[in-house]
């Protein structure tokens, strides 16, 4: 018929999966746009304070390109990691 059919993407188990999962900036709580090529997502391992070993759990931090452009990403990441450690204890 000449019209391309758009099927949903599927994983190996045959479940429908989305091509794009929107993220929110952990610092500003604003939606990170799909075209934001300066945004980053970092996984920070949780550490047992007694042993200094990883607990095999991660905290995911997403930082928008806007925050990085204004030079606030290092302070934002530091604050979010410190906040997470204090709330866990």
N, C-alpha and C. Protein backbone atom coordinates (compact mmCIF):
# COMPACT_ATOMS: atom_id res chain seq x y z
N UNK A 1 0.81 -1.21 0.00
CA UNK A 1 0.00 0.00 0.00
C UNK A 1 0.85 1.26 0.00
N UNK A 2 2.17 1.14 0.19
CA UNK A 2 3.03 2.30 0.11
C UNK A 2 3.17 3.09 1.40
N UNK A 3 2.38 2.76 2.42
CA UNK A 3 2.44 3.48 3.69
C UNK A 3 3.23 2.62 4.67
N UNK A 4 4.24 3.22 5.27
CA UNK A 4 5.06 2.48 6.24
C UNK A 4 4.26 2.25 7.51
N UNK A 5 4.33 1.05 8.02
CA UNK A 5 3.61 0.70 9.24
C UNK A 5 4.56 0.87 10.43
N UNK A 6 4.14 1.60 11.42
CA UNK A 6 4.97 1.84 12.60
C UNK A 6 4.59 0.85 13.69
N UNK A 7 5.42 -0.14 13.92
CA UNK A 7 5.20 -1.11 14.99
C UNK A 7 5.94 -0.66 16.22
N UNK A 8 5.43 -1.07 17.37
CA UNK A 8 6.13 -0.76 18.61
C UNK A 8 7.35 -1.64 18.73
N UNK A 9 8.36 -1.12 19.40
CA UNK A 9 9.58 -1.87 19.62
C UNK A 9 9.32 -2.92 20.70
N UNK A 10 9.87 -4.13 20.51
CA UNK A 10 9.70 -5.21 21.47
C UNK A 10 11.05 -5.74 21.92
N UNK A 11 11.09 -6.20 23.18
CA UNK A 11 12.32 -6.83 23.68
C UNK A 11 12.29 -8.32 23.36
N UNK A 12 13.29 -9.06 23.86
CA UNK A 12 13.39 -10.49 23.55
C UNK A 12 12.20 -11.28 24.06
N UNK A 13 11.57 -10.82 25.15
CA UNK A 13 10.43 -11.53 25.73
C UNK A 13 9.12 -11.21 25.01
N UNK A 14 9.17 -10.34 24.01
CA UNK A 14 7.97 -9.98 23.25
C UNK A 14 7.15 -8.88 23.89
N UNK A 15 7.67 -8.25 24.95
CA UNK A 15 6.96 -7.15 25.62
C UNK A 15 7.22 -5.86 24.88
N UNK A 16 6.19 -5.01 24.77
CA UNK A 16 6.36 -3.71 24.13
C UNK A 16 7.19 -2.81 25.03
N UNK A 17 8.17 -2.14 24.45
CA UNK A 17 9.01 -1.20 25.19
C UNK A 17 9.01 0.13 24.46
N UNK A 18 9.17 1.20 25.22
CA UNK A 18 9.21 2.54 24.63
C UNK A 18 10.61 2.84 24.12
N UNK A 19 10.68 3.65 23.09
CA UNK A 19 11.97 4.04 22.55
C UNK A 19 12.62 5.11 23.41
N UNK A 20 11.82 5.95 24.03
CA UNK A 20 12.36 7.05 24.83
C UNK A 20 11.64 7.09 26.17
N UNK A 21 12.40 7.07 27.24
CA UNK A 21 11.84 7.20 28.58
C UNK A 21 12.24 8.56 29.11
N UNK A 22 11.28 9.47 29.31
CA UNK A 22 11.63 10.81 29.79
C UNK A 22 12.23 10.77 31.19
N UNK A 23 13.19 11.68 31.43
CA UNK A 23 13.84 11.78 32.72
C UNK A 23 13.62 13.18 33.29
N UNK A 24 13.72 13.29 34.60
CA UNK A 24 13.66 14.58 35.27
C UNK A 24 15.03 14.89 35.85
N UNK A 25 15.41 16.14 35.79
CA UNK A 25 16.66 16.58 36.39
C UNK A 25 16.53 16.42 37.91
N UNK A 26 17.50 15.76 38.52
CA UNK A 26 17.45 15.53 39.96
C UNK A 26 17.63 16.81 40.76
N UNK A 27 18.21 17.84 40.15
CA UNK A 27 18.48 19.09 40.85
C UNK A 27 17.34 20.09 40.69
N UNK A 28 16.86 20.29 39.44
CA UNK A 28 15.81 21.29 39.20
C UNK A 28 14.41 20.68 39.17
N UNK A 29 14.32 19.36 39.08
CA UNK A 29 13.06 18.62 38.99
C UNK A 29 12.28 18.96 37.71
N UNK A 30 12.98 19.47 36.70
CA UNK A 30 12.35 19.76 35.41
C UNK A 30 12.60 18.61 34.45
N UNK A 31 11.71 18.44 33.50
CA UNK A 31 11.83 17.39 32.52
C UNK A 31 13.03 17.64 31.62
N UNK A 32 13.84 16.61 31.39
CA UNK A 32 14.97 16.71 30.47
C UNK A 32 14.47 16.36 29.08
N UNK A 33 14.61 17.28 28.14
CA UNK A 33 14.11 17.06 26.80
C UNK A 33 14.95 16.02 26.06
N UNK A 34 14.33 15.37 25.10
CA UNK A 34 15.01 14.31 24.34
C UNK A 34 16.21 14.86 23.58
N UNK A 35 16.17 16.11 23.17
CA UNK A 35 17.26 16.69 22.38
C UNK A 35 18.35 17.35 23.23
N UNK A 36 18.24 17.23 24.55
CA UNK A 36 19.25 17.81 25.44
C UNK A 36 20.49 16.90 25.42
N UNK A 37 21.44 17.23 24.54
CA UNK A 37 22.64 16.39 24.39
C UNK A 37 23.70 16.67 25.45
N UNK A 38 23.50 17.68 26.27
CA UNK A 38 24.47 18.00 27.32
C UNK A 38 24.08 17.39 28.66
N UNK A 39 22.91 16.76 28.74
CA UNK A 39 22.50 16.16 30.01
C UNK A 39 23.28 14.89 30.27
N UNK A 40 23.43 14.55 31.55
CA UNK A 40 24.14 13.33 31.94
C UNK A 40 23.32 12.58 32.98
N UNK A 41 23.55 11.29 33.05
CA UNK A 41 22.95 10.45 34.08
C UNK A 41 24.07 9.66 34.72
N UNK A 42 24.18 9.78 36.05
CA UNK A 42 25.29 9.16 36.79
C UNK A 42 24.72 8.22 37.84
N UNK A 43 25.29 7.03 37.95
CA UNK A 43 24.94 6.09 39.01
C UNK A 43 26.01 6.17 40.09
N UNK A 44 25.59 6.46 41.32
CA UNK A 44 26.51 6.56 42.45
C UNK A 44 26.25 5.36 43.36
N UNK A 45 27.27 4.57 43.62
CA UNK A 45 27.13 3.38 44.45
C UNK A 45 26.91 3.76 45.90
N UNK A 46 26.04 3.00 46.58
CA UNK A 46 25.85 3.18 48.01
C UNK A 46 26.93 2.37 48.74
N UNK A 47 27.54 3.00 49.74
CA UNK A 47 28.67 2.41 50.46
C UNK A 47 28.29 2.16 51.92
N UNK A 48 28.66 1.01 52.43
CA UNK A 48 28.46 0.70 53.85
C UNK A 48 29.47 1.50 54.66
N UNK A 49 29.01 2.38 55.56
CA UNK A 49 29.95 3.23 56.30
C UNK A 49 30.89 2.43 57.22
N UNK A 50 30.46 1.29 57.68
CA UNK A 50 31.29 0.50 58.60
C UNK A 50 32.44 -0.19 57.87
N UNK A 51 32.13 -0.78 56.70
CA UNK A 51 33.15 -1.56 55.99
C UNK A 51 33.78 -0.81 54.83
N UNK A 52 33.10 0.21 54.32
CA UNK A 52 33.60 0.93 53.16
C UNK A 52 33.38 0.18 51.86
N UNK A 53 32.60 -0.88 51.90
CA UNK A 53 32.33 -1.68 50.70
C UNK A 53 30.95 -1.31 50.14
N UNK A 54 30.79 -1.58 48.84
CA UNK A 54 29.53 -1.26 48.18
C UNK A 54 28.41 -2.17 48.67
N UNK A 55 27.21 -1.62 48.70
CA UNK A 55 26.02 -2.38 49.09
C UNK A 55 25.30 -2.95 47.87
N UNK A 56 25.91 -2.80 46.69
CA UNK A 56 25.35 -3.27 45.41
C UNK A 56 24.01 -2.60 45.10
N UNK A 57 23.87 -1.36 45.53
CA UNK A 57 22.72 -0.53 45.18
C UNK A 57 23.27 0.79 44.65
N UNK A 58 22.55 1.37 43.71
CA UNK A 58 22.97 2.64 43.12
C UNK A 58 21.91 3.69 43.31
N UNK A 59 22.35 4.93 43.39
CA UNK A 59 21.44 6.07 43.34
C UNK A 59 21.69 6.73 41.99
N UNK A 60 20.65 6.87 41.19
CA UNK A 60 20.79 7.46 39.87
C UNK A 60 20.50 8.95 39.95
N UNK A 61 21.43 9.73 39.42
CA UNK A 61 21.30 11.19 39.40
C UNK A 61 21.32 11.65 37.95
N UNK A 62 20.29 12.38 37.54
CA UNK A 62 20.21 12.94 36.19
C UNK A 62 20.38 14.45 36.30
N UNK A 63 21.29 15.00 35.51
CA UNK A 63 21.55 16.44 35.51
C UNK A 63 21.29 16.99 34.12
N UNK A 64 20.46 18.02 34.04
CA UNK A 64 20.12 18.63 32.75
C UNK A 64 21.30 19.44 32.21
N UNK A 65 21.32 19.61 30.90
CA UNK A 65 22.36 20.39 30.25
C UNK A 65 22.37 21.83 30.71
N UNK A 66 21.19 22.36 31.06
CA UNK A 66 21.09 23.74 31.56
C UNK A 66 21.94 23.92 32.83
N UNK A 67 21.85 22.96 33.74
CA UNK A 67 22.61 23.02 34.99
C UNK A 67 24.10 22.93 34.69
N UNK A 68 24.48 22.03 33.78
CA UNK A 68 25.89 21.87 33.42
C UNK A 68 26.41 23.13 32.74
N UNK A 69 25.59 23.73 31.88
CA UNK A 69 26.01 24.94 31.15
C UNK A 69 26.33 26.08 32.11
N UNK A 70 25.60 26.16 33.21
CA UNK A 70 25.81 27.24 34.17
C UNK A 70 26.83 26.88 35.24
N UNK A 71 27.51 25.75 35.08
CA UNK A 71 28.59 25.38 36.00
C UNK A 71 28.13 24.99 37.39
N UNK A 72 26.90 24.51 37.52
CA UNK A 72 26.36 24.16 38.82
C UNK A 72 26.27 22.65 39.04
N UNK A 73 26.73 21.86 38.07
CA UNK A 73 26.52 20.41 38.17
C UNK A 73 27.34 19.77 39.28
N UNK A 74 28.58 20.21 39.49
CA UNK A 74 29.39 19.58 40.54
C UNK A 74 28.80 19.83 41.92
N UNK A 75 28.34 21.04 42.16
CA UNK A 75 27.69 21.35 43.44
C UNK A 75 26.37 20.63 43.60
N UNK A 76 25.63 20.50 42.51
CA UNK A 76 24.34 19.80 42.55
C UNK A 76 24.54 18.33 42.87
N UNK A 77 25.50 17.69 42.19
CA UNK A 77 25.76 16.27 42.43
C UNK A 77 26.24 16.05 43.86
N UNK A 78 27.15 16.89 44.32
CA UNK A 78 27.65 16.78 45.69
C UNK A 78 26.51 16.88 46.69
N UNK A 79 25.64 17.88 46.50
CA UNK A 79 24.51 18.08 47.42
C UNK A 79 23.56 16.88 47.39
N UNK A 80 23.25 16.37 46.20
CA UNK A 80 22.32 15.24 46.09
C UNK A 80 22.91 13.97 46.72
N UNK A 81 24.21 13.75 46.56
CA UNK A 81 24.84 12.57 47.16
C UNK A 81 24.88 12.72 48.68
N UNK A 82 25.24 13.90 49.17
CA UNK A 82 25.25 14.13 50.63
C UNK A 82 23.87 13.99 51.24
N UNK A 83 22.87 14.52 50.56
CA UNK A 83 21.49 14.44 51.02
C UNK A 83 21.05 12.98 51.11
N UNK A 84 21.43 12.18 50.10
CA UNK A 84 21.09 10.76 50.10
C UNK A 84 21.77 10.00 51.22
N UNK A 85 23.00 10.38 51.54
CA UNK A 85 23.72 9.66 52.61
C UNK A 85 23.15 10.00 53.97
N UNK A 86 22.77 11.25 54.14
CA UNK A 86 22.22 11.64 55.43
C UNK A 86 20.86 11.01 55.67
N UNK A 87 20.03 10.91 54.60
CA UNK A 87 18.68 10.35 54.79
C UNK A 87 18.75 8.84 55.01
N UNK A 88 19.82 8.18 54.53
CA UNK A 88 19.94 6.73 54.70
C UNK A 88 20.39 6.38 56.12
N UNK A 89 21.08 7.31 56.81
CA UNK A 89 21.56 6.98 58.15
C UNK A 89 20.54 7.30 59.20
